PDB file of all heavy atoms in Angstrom:
ATOM      1  N   TRP A   1       7.994   3.426 -54.615  1.00  0.00           N
ATOM      2  CA  TRP A   1       7.522   2.685 -53.438  1.00  0.00           C
ATOM      3  C   TRP A   1       8.666   1.914 -52.783  1.00  0.00           C
ATOM      4  O   TRP A   1       8.690   1.745 -51.565  1.00  0.00           O
ATOM      5  CB  TRP A   1       6.417   1.717 -53.838  1.00  0.00           C
ATOM      6  CG  TRP A   1       5.087   2.350 -54.114  1.00  0.00           C
ATOM      7  CD1 TRP A   1       4.722   3.650 -53.897  1.00  0.00           C
ATOM      8  CD2 TRP A   1       3.935   1.698 -54.660  1.00  0.00           C
ATOM      9  NE1 TRP A   1       3.417   3.850 -54.280  1.00  0.00           N
ATOM     10  CE2 TRP A   1       2.916   2.676 -54.744  1.00  0.00           C
ATOM     11  CE3 TRP A   1       3.682   0.402 -55.085  1.00  0.00           C
ATOM     12  CZ2 TRP A   1       1.642   2.374 -55.236  1.00  0.00           C
ATOM     13  CZ3 TRP A   1       2.417   0.105 -55.575  1.00  0.00           C
ATOM     14  CH2 TRP A   1       1.408   1.087 -55.648  1.00  0.00           C
ATOM     15  N   ALA A   2       9.613   1.429 -53.594  1.00  0.00           N
ATOM     16  CA  ALA A   2      10.741   0.668 -53.046  1.00  0.00           C
ATOM     17  C   ALA A   2      11.556   1.501 -52.075  1.00  0.00           C
ATOM     18  O   ALA A   2      12.181   0.976 -51.155  1.00  0.00           O
ATOM     19  CB  ALA A   2      11.642   0.173 -54.172  1.00  0.00           C
ATOM     20  N   ARG A   3      11.541   2.808 -52.260  1.00  0.00           N
ATOM     21  CA  ARG A   3      12.362   3.705 -51.466  1.00  0.00           C
ATOM     22  C   ARG A   3      11.558   4.456 -50.406  1.00  0.00           C
ATOM     23  O   ARG A   3      12.071   5.372 -49.768  1.00  0.00           O
ATOM     24  CB  ARG A   3      13.053   4.716 -52.395  1.00  0.00           C
ATOM     25  CG  ARG A   3      14.078   4.054 -53.317  1.00  0.00           C
ATOM     26  CD  ARG A   3      14.386   4.924 -54.520  1.00  0.00           C
ATOM     27  NE  ARG A   3      15.463   4.349 -55.338  1.00  0.00           N
ATOM     28  CZ  ARG A   3      15.290   3.369 -56.208  1.00  0.00           C
ATOM     29  NH1 ARG A   3      14.093   2.836 -56.381  1.00  0.00           N
ATOM     30  NH2 ARG A   3      16.300   2.900 -56.909  1.00  0.00           N
ATOM     31  N   TYR A   4      10.301   4.074 -50.247  1.00  0.00           N
ATOM     32  CA  TYR A   4       9.429   4.793 -49.321  1.00  0.00           C
ATOM     33  C   TYR A   4       9.120   3.907 -48.121  1.00  0.00           C
ATOM     34  O   TYR A   4       8.761   2.731 -48.290  1.00  0.00           O
ATOM     35  CB  TYR A   4       8.127   5.186 -50.033  1.00  0.00           C
ATOM     36  CG  TYR A   4       7.489   6.429 -49.473  1.00  0.00           C
ATOM     37  CD1 TYR A   4       8.077   7.672 -49.657  1.00  0.00           C
ATOM     38  CD2 TYR A   4       6.298   6.366 -48.769  1.00  0.00           C
ATOM     39  CE1 TYR A   4       7.489   8.826 -49.162  1.00  0.00           C
ATOM     40  CE2 TYR A   4       5.702   7.509 -48.265  1.00  0.00           C
ATOM     41  CZ  TYR A   4       6.299   8.738 -48.467  1.00  0.00           C
ATOM     42  OH  TYR A   4       5.717   9.868 -47.959  1.00  0.00           O
ATOM     43  N   PRO A   5       9.223   4.433 -46.899  1.00  0.00           N
ATOM     44  CA  PRO A   5       9.113   3.596 -45.687  1.00  0.00           C
ATOM     45  C   PRO A   5       7.668   3.331 -45.250  1.00  0.00           C
ATOM     46  O   PRO A   5       7.228   3.779 -44.195  1.00  0.00           O
ATOM     47  CB  PRO A   5       9.865   4.435 -44.648  1.00  0.00           C
ATOM     48  CG  PRO A   5       9.613   5.845 -45.076  1.00  0.00           C
ATOM     49  CD  PRO A   5       9.589   5.819 -46.580  1.00  0.00           C
ATOM     50  N   PHE A   6       6.922   2.580 -46.054  1.00  0.00           N
ATOM     51  CA  PHE A   6       5.543   2.267 -45.691  1.00  0.00           C
ATOM     52  C   PHE A   6       5.463   1.504 -44.369  1.00  0.00           C
ATOM     53  O   PHE A   6       4.502   1.663 -43.621  1.00  0.00           O
ATOM     54  CB  PHE A   6       4.880   1.428 -46.797  1.00  0.00           C
ATOM     55  CG  PHE A   6       4.647   2.167 -48.074  1.00  0.00           C
ATOM     56  CD1 PHE A   6       5.529   2.059 -49.130  1.00  0.00           C
ATOM     57  CD2 PHE A   6       3.536   2.986 -48.223  1.00  0.00           C
ATOM     58  CE1 PHE A   6       5.313   2.753 -50.321  1.00  0.00           C
ATOM     59  CE2 PHE A   6       3.308   3.685 -49.406  1.00  0.00           C
ATOM     60  CZ  PHE A   6       4.203   3.562 -50.451  1.00  0.00           C
ATOM     61  N   ASP A   7       6.482   0.670 -44.114  1.00  0.00           N
ATOM     62  CA  ASP A   7       6.459  -0.104 -42.878  1.00  0.00           C
ATOM     63  C   ASP A   7       6.512   0.806 -41.652  1.00  0.00           C
ATOM     64  O   ASP A   7       5.837   0.567 -40.651  1.00  0.00           O
ATOM     65  CB  ASP A   7       7.610  -1.106 -42.855  1.00  0.00           C
ATOM     66  CG  ASP A   7       8.959  -0.478 -43.201  1.00  0.00           C
ATOM     67  OD1 ASP A   7       8.970   0.597 -43.819  1.00  0.00           O
ATOM     68  OD2 ASP A   7       9.989  -1.073 -42.869  1.00  0.00           O
ATOM     69  N   VAL A   8       7.298   1.884 -41.740  1.00  0.00           N
ATOM     70  CA  VAL A   8       7.386   2.843 -40.633  1.00  0.00           C
ATOM     71  C   VAL A   8       6.073   3.594 -40.475  1.00  0.00           C
ATOM     72  O   VAL A   8       5.563   3.770 -39.365  1.00  0.00           O
ATOM     73  CB  VAL A   8       8.549   3.833 -40.862  1.00  0.00           C
ATOM     74  CG1 VAL A   8       8.590   4.877 -39.745  1.00  0.00           C
ATOM     75  CG2 VAL A   8       9.877   3.089 -40.940  1.00  0.00           C
ATOM     76  N   ILE A   9       5.503   4.034 -41.591  1.00  0.00           N
ATOM     77  CA  ILE A   9       4.274   4.824 -41.558  1.00  0.00           C
ATOM     78  C   ILE A   9       3.115   4.019 -40.990  1.00  0.00           C
ATOM     79  O   ILE A   9       2.399   4.454 -40.087  1.00  0.00           O
ATOM     80  CB  ILE A   9       3.925   5.331 -42.977  1.00  0.00           C
ATOM     81  CG1 ILE A   9       4.984   6.336 -43.453  1.00  0.00           C
ATOM     82  CG2 ILE A   9       2.532   5.965 -43.000  1.00  0.00           C
ATOM     83  CD1 ILE A   9       4.860   6.713 -44.905  1.00  0.00           C
ATOM     84  N   ASN A  10       2.934   2.808 -41.525  1.00  0.00           N
ATOM     85  CA  ASN A  10       1.764   2.011 -41.123  1.00  0.00           C
ATOM     86  C   ASN A  10       1.902   1.379 -39.750  1.00  0.00           C
ATOM     87  O   ASN A  10       0.926   0.853 -39.205  1.00  0.00           O
ATOM     88  CB  ASN A  10       1.483   0.939 -42.179  1.00  0.00           C
ATOM     89  CG  ASN A  10       0.937   1.545 -43.460  1.00  0.00           C
ATOM     90  OD1 ASN A  10       0.146   2.475 -43.427  1.00  0.00           O
ATOM     91  ND2 ASN A  10       1.381   1.038 -44.591  1.00  0.00           N
ATOM     92  N   ALA A  11       3.122   1.421 -39.187  1.00  0.00           N
ATOM     93  CA  ALA A  11       3.310   0.916 -37.832  1.00  0.00           C
ATOM     94  C   ALA A  11       3.001   1.987 -36.787  1.00  0.00           C
ATOM     95  O   ALA A  11       2.919   1.691 -35.593  1.00  0.00           O
ATOM     96  CB  ALA A  11       4.736   0.412 -37.648  1.00  0.00           C
ATOM     97  N   ALA A  12       2.821   3.236 -37.234  1.00  0.00           N
ATOM     98  CA  ALA A  12       2.611   4.342 -36.303  1.00  0.00           C
ATOM     99  C   ALA A  12       1.266   4.216 -35.589  1.00  0.00           C
ATOM    100  O   ALA A  12       0.276   3.742 -36.150  1.00  0.00           O
ATOM    101  CB  ALA A  12       2.687   5.673 -37.040  1.00  0.00           C
ATOM    102  N   HIS A  13       1.237   4.682 -34.371  1.00  0.00           N
ATOM    103  CA  HIS A  13       0.022   4.627 -33.554  1.00  0.00           C
ATOM    104  C   HIS A  13      -1.078   5.478 -34.186  1.00  0.00           C
ATOM    105  O   HIS A  13      -0.837   6.597 -34.617  1.00  0.00           O
ATOM    106  CB  HIS A  13       0.329   5.135 -32.147  1.00  0.00           C
ATOM    107  CG  HIS A  13      -0.833   5.064 -31.207  1.00  0.00           C
ATOM    108  ND1 HIS A  13      -1.435   3.856 -30.877  1.00  0.00           N
ATOM    109  CD2 HIS A  13      -1.511   6.030 -30.540  1.00  0.00           C
ATOM    110  CE1 HIS A  13      -2.431   4.090 -30.037  1.00  0.00           C
ATOM    111  NE2 HIS A  13      -2.497   5.395 -29.813  1.00  0.00           N
ATOM    112  N   ASN A  14      -2.272   4.922 -34.254  1.00  0.00           N
ATOM    113  CA  ASN A  14      -3.472   5.613 -34.765  1.00  0.00           C
ATOM    114  C   ASN A  14      -3.459   5.852 -36.275  1.00  0.00           C
ATOM    115  O   ASN A  14      -4.349   6.528 -36.794  1.00  0.00           O
ATOM    116  CB  ASN A  14      -3.696   6.951 -34.053  1.00  0.00           C
ATOM    117  CG  ASN A  14      -4.163   6.766 -32.618  1.00  0.00           C
ATOM    118  OD1 ASN A  14      -4.775   5.753 -32.287  1.00  0.00           O
ATOM    119  ND2 ASN A  14      -3.859   7.738 -31.767  1.00  0.00           N
ATOM    120  N   ARG A  15      -2.478   5.324 -36.999  1.00  0.00           N
ATOM    121  CA  ARG A  15      -2.478   5.506 -38.450  1.00  0.00           C
ATOM    122  C   ARG A  15      -3.636   4.747 -39.093  1.00  0.00           C
ATOM    123  O   ARG A  15      -4.193   5.198 -40.091  1.00  0.00           O
ATOM    124  CB  ARG A  15      -1.146   5.034 -39.045  1.00  0.00           C
ATOM    125  CG  ARG A  15      -1.071   5.117 -40.574  1.00  0.00           C
ATOM    126  CD  ARG A  15      -1.375   6.501 -41.082  1.00  0.00           C
ATOM    127  NE  ARG A  15      -1.411   6.563 -42.535  1.00  0.00           N
ATOM    128  CZ  ARG A  15      -2.049   7.499 -43.226  1.00  0.00           C
ATOM    129  NH1 ARG A  15      -2.711   8.456 -42.598  1.00  0.00           N
ATOM    130  NH2 ARG A  15      -2.036   7.491 -44.543  1.00  0.00           N
ATOM    131  N   GLY A  16      -4.022   3.618 -38.523  1.00  0.00           N
ATOM    132  CA  GLY A  16      -5.058   2.784 -39.113  1.00  0.00           C
ATOM    133  C   GLY A  16      -6.366   3.496 -39.378  1.00  0.00           C
ATOM    134  O   GLY A  16      -6.836   3.541 -40.531  1.00  0.00           O
ATOM    135  N   PRO A  17      -7.017   4.093 -38.363  1.00  0.00           N
ATOM    136  CA  PRO A  17      -8.300   4.775 -38.587  1.00  0.00           C
ATOM    137  C   PRO A  17      -8.209   5.895 -39.620  1.00  0.00           C
ATOM    138  O   PRO A  17      -9.121   6.080 -40.433  1.00  0.00           O
ATOM    139  CB  PRO A  17      -8.648   5.316 -37.201  1.00  0.00           C
ATOM    140  CG  PRO A  17      -7.939   4.409 -36.246  1.00  0.00           C
ATOM    141  CD  PRO A  17      -6.667   4.038 -36.932  1.00  0.00           C
ATOM    142  N   GLU A  18      -7.097   6.632 -39.599  1.00  0.00           N
ATOM    143  CA  GLU A  18      -6.922   7.710 -40.578  1.00  0.00           C
ATOM    144  C   GLU A  18      -6.846   7.141 -41.989  1.00  0.00           C
ATOM    145  O   GLU A  18      -7.474   7.658 -42.920  1.00  0.00           O
ATOM    146  CB  GLU A  18      -5.645   8.490 -40.273  1.00  0.00           C
ATOM    147  CG  GLU A  18      -5.701   9.340 -39.016  1.00  0.00           C
ATOM    148  CD  GLU A  18      -4.396  10.073 -38.784  1.00  0.00           C
ATOM    149  OE1 GLU A  18      -3.430   9.821 -39.544  1.00  0.00           O
ATOM    150  OE2 GLU A  18      -4.342  10.886 -37.847  1.00  0.00           O
ATOM    151  N   ALA A  19      -6.054   6.079 -42.154  1.00  0.00           N
ATOM    152  CA  ALA A  19      -5.889   5.490 -43.480  1.00  0.00           C
ATOM    153  C   ALA A  19      -7.193   4.896 -43.991  1.00  0.00           C
ATOM    154  O   ALA A  19      -7.517   5.007 -45.185  1.00  0.00           O
ATOM    155  CB  ALA A  19      -4.798   4.416 -43.439  1.00  0.00           C
ATOM    156  N   VAL A  20      -7.969   4.278 -43.109  1.00  0.00           N
ATOM    157  CA  VAL A  20      -9.269   3.719 -43.500  1.00  0.00           C
ATOM    158  C   VAL A  20     -10.178   4.830 -44.017  1.00  0.00           C
ATOM    159  O   VAL A  20     -10.824   4.687 -45.072  1.00  0.00           O
ATOM    160  CB  VAL A  20      -9.933   2.991 -42.315  1.00  0.00           C
ATOM    161  CG1 VAL A  20     -11.383   2.645 -42.638  1.00  0.00           C
ATOM    162  CG2 VAL A  20      -9.158   1.722 -41.969  1.00  0.00           C
ATOM    163  N   GLN A  21     -10.238   5.939 -43.301  1.00  0.00           N
ATOM    164  CA  GLN A  21     -11.071   7.061 -43.719  1.00  0.00           C
ATOM    165  C   GLN A  21     -10.592   7.641 -45.050  1.00  0.00           C
ATOM    166  O   GLN A  21     -11.399   7.974 -45.925  1.00  0.00           O
ATOM    167  CB  GLN A  21     -11.060   8.153 -42.643  1.00  0.00           C
ATOM    168  CG  GLN A  21     -11.851   9.406 -42.999  1.00  0.00           C
ATOM    169  CD  GLN A  21     -13.318   9.124 -43.280  1.00  0.00           C
ATOM    170  OE1 GLN A  21     -13.906   8.217 -42.676  1.00  0.00           O
ATOM    171  NE2 GLN A  21     -13.917   9.881 -44.188  1.00  0.00           N
ATOM    172  N   GLU A  22      -9.286   7.722 -45.223  1.00  0.00           N
ATOM    173  CA  GLU A  22      -8.736   8.265 -46.469  1.00  0.00           C
ATOM    174  C   GLU A  22      -9.041   7.330 -47.639  1.00  0.00           C
ATOM    175  O   GLU A  22      -9.367   7.802 -48.744  1.00  0.00           O
ATOM    176  CB  GLU A  22      -7.236   8.486 -46.305  1.00  0.00           C
ATOM    177  CG  GLU A  22      -6.902   9.639 -45.365  1.00  0.00           C
ATOM    178  CD  GLU A  22      -5.513   9.559 -44.764  1.00  0.00           C
ATOM    179  OE1 GLU A  22      -4.702   8.713 -45.233  1.00  0.00           O
ATOM    180  OE2 GLU A  22      -5.224  10.338 -43.838  1.00  0.00           O
ATOM    181  N   HIS A  23      -8.949   6.036 -47.426  1.00  0.00           N
ATOM    182  CA  HIS A  23      -9.333   5.079 -48.479  1.00  0.00           C
ATOM    183  C   HIS A  23     -10.792   5.269 -48.866  1.00  0.00           C
ATOM    184  O   HIS A  23     -11.142   5.253 -50.057  1.00  0.00           O
ATOM    185  CB  HIS A  23      -9.124   3.642 -47.993  1.00  0.00           C
ATOM    186  CG  HIS A  23      -7.697   3.205 -47.981  1.00  0.00           C
ATOM    187  ND1 HIS A  23      -7.306   1.996 -47.474  1.00  0.00           N
ATOM    188  CD2 HIS A  23      -6.566   3.812 -48.418  1.00  0.00           C
ATOM    189  CE1 HIS A  23      -5.999   1.871 -47.606  1.00  0.00           C
ATOM    190  NE2 HIS A  23      -5.523   2.957 -48.158  1.00  0.00           N
ATOM    191  N   ASN A  24     -11.657   5.450 -47.872  1.00  0.00           N
ATOM    192  CA  ASN A  24     -13.087   5.637 -48.149  1.00  0.00           C
ATOM    193  C   ASN A  24     -13.337   6.903 -48.960  1.00  0.00           C
ATOM    194  O   ASN A  24     -14.195   6.920 -49.854  1.00  0.00           O
ATOM    195  CB  ASN A  24     -13.876   5.686 -46.843  1.00  0.00           C
ATOM    196  CG  ASN A  24     -13.958   4.331 -46.160  1.00  0.00           C
ATOM    197  OD1 ASN A  24     -13.820   3.290 -46.806  1.00  0.00           O
ATOM    198  ND2 ASN A  24     -14.186   4.327 -44.852  1.00  0.00           N
ATOM    199  N   GLU A  25     -12.600   7.955 -48.666  1.00  0.00           N
ATOM    200  CA  GLU A  25     -12.754   9.201 -49.425  1.00  0.00           C
ATOM    201  C   GLU A  25     -12.334   9.014 -50.876  1.00  0.00           C
ATOM    202  O   GLU A  25     -12.978   9.547 -51.796  1.00  0.00           O
ATOM    203  CB  GLU A  25     -11.935  10.309 -48.762  1.00  0.00           C
ATOM    204  CG  GLU A  25     -12.479  10.760 -47.415  1.00  0.00           C
ATOM    205  CD  GLU A  25     -11.557  11.719 -46.689  1.00  0.00           C
ATOM    206  OE1 GLU A  25     -10.488  12.068 -47.262  1.00  0.00           O
ATOM    207  OE2 GLU A  25     -11.889  12.136 -45.564  1.00  0.00           O
ATOM    208  N   ILE A  26     -11.265   8.259 -51.092  1.00  0.00           N
ATOM    209  CA  ILE A  26     -10.827   7.972 -52.455  1.00  0.00           C
ATOM    210  C   ILE A  26     -11.893   7.170 -53.192  1.00  0.00           C
ATOM    211  O   ILE A  26     -12.252   7.481 -54.339  1.00  0.00           O
ATOM    212  CB  ILE A  26      -9.488   7.197 -52.439  1.00  0.00           C
ATOM    213  CG1 ILE A  26      -8.368   8.073 -51.883  1.00  0.00           C
ATOM    214  CG2 ILE A  26      -9.131   6.702 -53.844  1.00  0.00           C
ATOM    215  CD1 ILE A  26      -7.099   7.305 -51.533  1.00  0.00           C
ATOM    216  N   LEU A  27     -12.437   6.147 -52.535  1.00  0.00           N
ATOM    217  CA  LEU A  27     -13.446   5.295 -53.159  1.00  0.00           C
ATOM    218  C   LEU A  27     -14.722   6.070 -53.467  1.00  0.00           C
ATOM    219  O   LEU A  27     -15.359   5.855 -54.511  1.00  0.00           O
ATOM    220  CB  LEU A  27     -13.753   4.101 -52.249  1.00  0.00           C
ATOM    221  CG  LEU A  27     -12.623   3.076 -52.109  1.00  0.00           C
ATOM    222  CD1 LEU A  27     -12.966   2.038 -51.046  1.00  0.00           C
ATOM    223  CD2 LEU A  27     -12.340   2.400 -53.442  1.00  0.00           C
ATOM    224  N   GLN A  28     -15.113   6.976 -52.578  1.00  0.00           N
ATOM    225  CA  GLN A  28     -16.300   7.796 -52.829  1.00  0.00           C
ATOM    226  C   GLN A  28     -16.125   8.653 -54.078  1.00  0.00           C
ATOM    227  O   GLN A  28     -17.043   8.787 -54.900  1.00  0.00           O
ATOM    228  CB  GLN A  28     -16.582   8.675 -51.612  1.00  0.00           C
ATOM    229  CG  GLN A  28     -17.103   7.910 -50.397  1.00  0.00           C
ATOM    230  CD  GLN A  28     -17.118   8.753 -49.143  1.00  0.00           C
ATOM    231  OE1 GLN A  28     -16.891   9.966 -49.177  1.00  0.00           O
ATOM    232  NE2 GLN A  28     -17.358   8.116 -47.997  1.00  0.00           N
ATOM    233  N   ALA A  29     -14.933   9.224 -54.236  1.00  0.00           N
ATOM    234  CA  ALA A  29     -14.669  10.050 -55.414  1.00  0.00           C
ATOM    235  C   ALA A  29     -14.646   9.202 -56.682  1.00  0.00           C
ATOM    236  O   ALA A  29     -15.162   9.620 -57.734  1.00  0.00           O
ATOM    237  CB  ALA A  29     -13.351  10.791 -55.243  1.00  0.00           C
ATOM    238  N   LEU A  30     -14.076   8.012 -56.598  1.00  0.00           N
ATOM    239  CA  LEU A  30     -14.057   7.123 -57.762  1.00  0.00           C
ATOM    240  C   LEU A  30     -15.473   6.702 -58.144  1.00  0.00           C
ATOM    241  O   LEU A  30     -15.802   6.600 -59.334  1.00  0.00           O
ATOM    242  CB  LEU A  30     -13.210   5.884 -57.469  1.00  0.00           C
ATOM    243  CG  LEU A  30     -11.706   6.097 -57.272  1.00  0.00           C
ATOM    244  CD1 LEU A  30     -11.026   4.771 -56.927  1.00  0.00           C
ATOM    245  CD2 LEU A  30     -11.064   6.709 -58.512  1.00  0.00           C
ATOM    246  N   ALA A  31     -16.310   6.470 -57.147  1.00  0.00           N
ATOM    247  CA  ALA A  31     -17.685   6.028 -57.409  1.00  0.00           C
ATOM    248  C   ALA A  31     -18.493   7.077 -58.145  1.00  0.00           C
ATOM    249  O   ALA A  31     -19.383   6.750 -58.939  1.00  0.00           O
ATOM    250  CB  ALA A  31     -18.372   5.665 -56.093  1.00  0.00           C
ATOM    251  N   THR A  32     -18.185   8.342 -57.891  1.00  0.00           N
ATOM    252  CA  THR A  32     -18.921   9.431 -58.545  1.00  0.00           C
ATOM    253  C   THR A  32     -18.262   9.883 -59.847  1.00  0.00           C
ATOM    254  O   THR A  32     -18.800  10.741 -60.547  1.00  0.00           O
ATOM    255  CB  THR A  32     -19.045  10.642 -57.608  1.00  0.00           C
ATOM    256  OG1 THR A  32     -17.739  11.111 -57.254  1.00  0.00           O
ATOM    257  CG2 THR A  32     -19.806  10.264 -56.340  1.00  0.00           C
ATOM    258  N   GLY A  33     -17.096   9.321 -60.152  1.00  0.00           N
ATOM    259  CA  GLY A  33     -16.395   9.705 -61.375  1.00  0.00           C
ATOM    260  C   GLY A  33     -15.803  11.089 -61.320  1.00  0.00           C
ATOM    261  O   GLY A  33     -15.551  11.704 -62.363  1.00  0.00           O
ATOM    262  N   ASP A  34     -15.537  11.580 -60.122  1.00  0.00           N
ATOM    263  CA  ASP A  34     -15.012  12.931 -59.935  1.00  0.00           C
ATOM    264  C   ASP A  34     -13.488  12.861 -59.866  1.00  0.00           C
ATOM    265  O   ASP A  34     -12.908  12.593 -58.811  1.00  0.00           O
ATOM    266  CB  ASP A  34     -15.587  13.528 -58.649  1.00  0.00           C
ATOM    267  CG  ASP A  34     -15.228  14.997 -58.463  1.00  0.00           C
ATOM    268  OD1 ASP A  34     -14.243  15.454 -59.074  1.00  0.00           O
ATOM    269  OD2 ASP A  34     -15.930  15.675 -57.691  1.00  0.00           O
ATOM    270  N   ALA A  35     -12.833  13.113 -61.002  1.00  0.00           N
ATOM    271  CA  ALA A  35     -11.378  12.974 -61.072  1.00  0.00           C
ATOM    272  C   ALA A  35     -10.672  13.956 -60.148  1.00  0.00           C
ATOM    273  O   ALA A  35      -9.705  13.588 -59.469  1.00  0.00           O
ATOM    274  CB  ALA A  35     -10.905  13.173 -62.508  1.00  0.00           C
ATOM    275  N   ALA A  36     -11.148  15.194 -60.120  1.00  0.00           N
ATOM    276  CA  ALA A  36     -10.493  16.204 -59.282  1.00  0.00           C
ATOM    277  C   ALA A  36     -10.552  15.809 -57.808  1.00  0.00           C
ATOM    278  O   ALA A  36      -9.546  15.882 -57.092  1.00  0.00           O
ATOM    279  CB  ALA A  36     -11.141  17.562 -59.496  1.00  0.00           C
ATOM    280  N   SER A  37     -11.720  15.379 -57.354  1.00  0.00           N
ATOM    281  CA  SER A  37     -11.867  14.981 -55.950  1.00  0.00           C
ATOM    282  C   SER A  37     -11.039  13.742 -55.636  1.00  0.00           C
ATOM    283  O   SER A  37     -10.461  13.624 -54.544  1.00  0.00           O
ATOM    284  CB  SER A  37     -13.339  14.718 -55.625  1.00  0.00           C
ATOM    285  OG  SER A  37     -14.083  15.907 -55.687  1.00  0.00           O
ATOM    286  N   ALA A  38     -10.976  12.810 -56.577  1.00  0.00           N
ATOM    287  CA  ALA A  38     -10.188  11.598 -56.366  1.00  0.00           C
ATOM    288  C   ALA A  38      -8.704  11.934 -56.248  1.00  0.00           C
ATOM    289  O   ALA A  38      -7.993  11.381 -55.398  1.00  0.00           O
ATOM    290  CB  ALA A  38     -10.418  10.611 -57.506  1.00  0.00           C
ATOM    291  N   MET A  39      -8.228  12.860 -57.077  1.00  0.00           N
ATOM    292  CA  MET A  39      -6.825  13.256 -57.029  1.00  0.00           C
ATOM    293  C   MET A  39      -6.517  14.005 -55.734  1.00  0.00           C
ATOM    294  O   MET A  39      -5.457  13.802 -55.132  1.00  0.00           O
ATOM    295  CB  MET A  39      -6.485  14.107 -58.253  1.00  0.00           C
ATOM    296  CG  MET A  39      -6.518  13.317 -59.559  1.00  0.00           C
ATOM    297  SD  MET A  39      -6.561  14.350 -61.043  1.00  0.00           S
ATOM    298  CE  MET A  39      -4.897  15.019 -61.030  1.00  0.00           C
ATOM    299  N   ILE A  40      -7.434  14.835 -55.298  1.00  0.00           N
ATOM    300  CA  ILE A  40      -7.253  15.554 -54.029  1.00  0.00           C
ATOM    301  C   ILE A  40      -7.228  14.574 -52.865  1.00  0.00           C
ATOM    302  O   ILE A  40      -6.405  14.681 -51.949  1.00  0.00           O
ATOM    303  CB  ILE A  40      -8.364  16.602 -53.837  1.00  0.00           C
ATOM    304  CG1 ILE A  40      -8.186  17.740 -54.847  1.00  0.00           C
ATOM    305  CG2 ILE A  40      -8.368  17.144 -52.406  1.00  0.00           C
ATOM    306  CD1 ILE A  40      -9.354  18.697 -54.894  1.00  0.00           C
ATOM    307  N   ALA A  41      -8.136  13.592 -52.899  1.00  0.00           N
ATOM    308  CA  ALA A  41      -8.193  12.593 -51.826  1.00  0.00           C
ATOM    309  C   ALA A  41      -6.916  11.771 -51.774  1.00  0.00           C
ATOM    310  O   ALA A  41      -6.405  11.456 -50.686  1.00  0.00           O
ATOM    311  CB  ALA A  41      -9.409  11.693 -52.021  1.00  0.00           C
ATOM    312  N   MET A  42      -6.370  11.409 -52.944  1.00  0.00           N
ATOM    313  CA  MET A  42      -5.125  10.649 -52.960  1.00  0.00           C
ATOM    314  C   MET A  42      -3.969  11.495 -52.458  1.00  0.00           C
ATOM    315  O   MET A  42      -3.107  11.011 -51.706  1.00  0.00           O
ATOM    316  CB  MET A  42      -4.829  10.133 -54.374  1.00  0.00           C
ATOM    317  CG  MET A  42      -3.561   9.283 -54.452  1.00  0.00           C
ATOM    318  SD  MET A  42      -3.607   7.831 -53.347  1.00  0.00           S
ATOM    319  CE  MET A  42      -4.785   6.815 -54.245  1.00  0.00           C
ATOM    320  N   ARG A  43      -3.942  12.761 -52.845  1.00  0.00           N
ATOM    321  CA  ARG A  43      -2.883  13.649 -52.358  1.00  0.00           C
ATOM    322  C   ARG A  43      -2.937  13.755 -50.833  1.00  0.00           C
ATOM    323  O   ARG A  43      -1.908  13.683 -50.159  1.00  0.00           O
ATOM    324  CB  ARG A  43      -3.024  15.032 -52.990  1.00  0.00           C
ATOM    325  CG  ARG A  43      -1.895  15.984 -52.589  1.00  0.00           C
ATOM    326  CD  ARG A  43      -2.046  17.378 -53.173  1.00  0.00           C
ATOM    327  NE  ARG A  43      -0.873  18.165 -52.874  1.00  0.00           N
ATOM    328  CZ  ARG A  43       0.187  18.286 -53.660  1.00  0.00           C
ATOM    329  NH1 ARG A  43       0.216  17.661 -54.824  1.00  0.00           N
ATOM    330  NH2 ARG A  43       1.225  19.019 -53.305  1.00  0.00           N
ATOM    331  N   LYS A  44      -4.146  13.911 -50.307  1.00  0.00           N
ATOM    332  CA  LYS A  44      -4.317  13.971 -48.847  1.00  0.00           C
ATOM    333  C   LYS A  44      -3.799  12.696 -48.201  1.00  0.00           C
ATOM    334  O   LYS A  44      -3.125  12.746 -47.150  1.00  0.00           O
ATOM    335  CB  LYS A  44      -5.794  14.176 -48.510  1.00  0.00           C
ATOM    336  CG  LYS A  44      -6.106  14.110 -47.024  1.00  0.00           C
ATOM    337  CD  LYS A  44      -7.617  14.205 -46.785  1.00  0.00           C
ATOM    338  CE  LYS A  44      -7.946  13.969 -45.307  1.00  0.00           C
ATOM    339  NZ  LYS A  44      -9.406  13.997 -45.057  1.00  0.00           N
TER     340      LYS A  44
END
């Protein structure tokens, strides 16, 4: 993480709505205990 430009990524236009949706997908997979889906969602 120290070497990854999160500041550049999160400053990009329209990144917010996409990231919110991706967080929700991760949380949905965690809620169901589906490891494969959670890993796919994090990769996405």
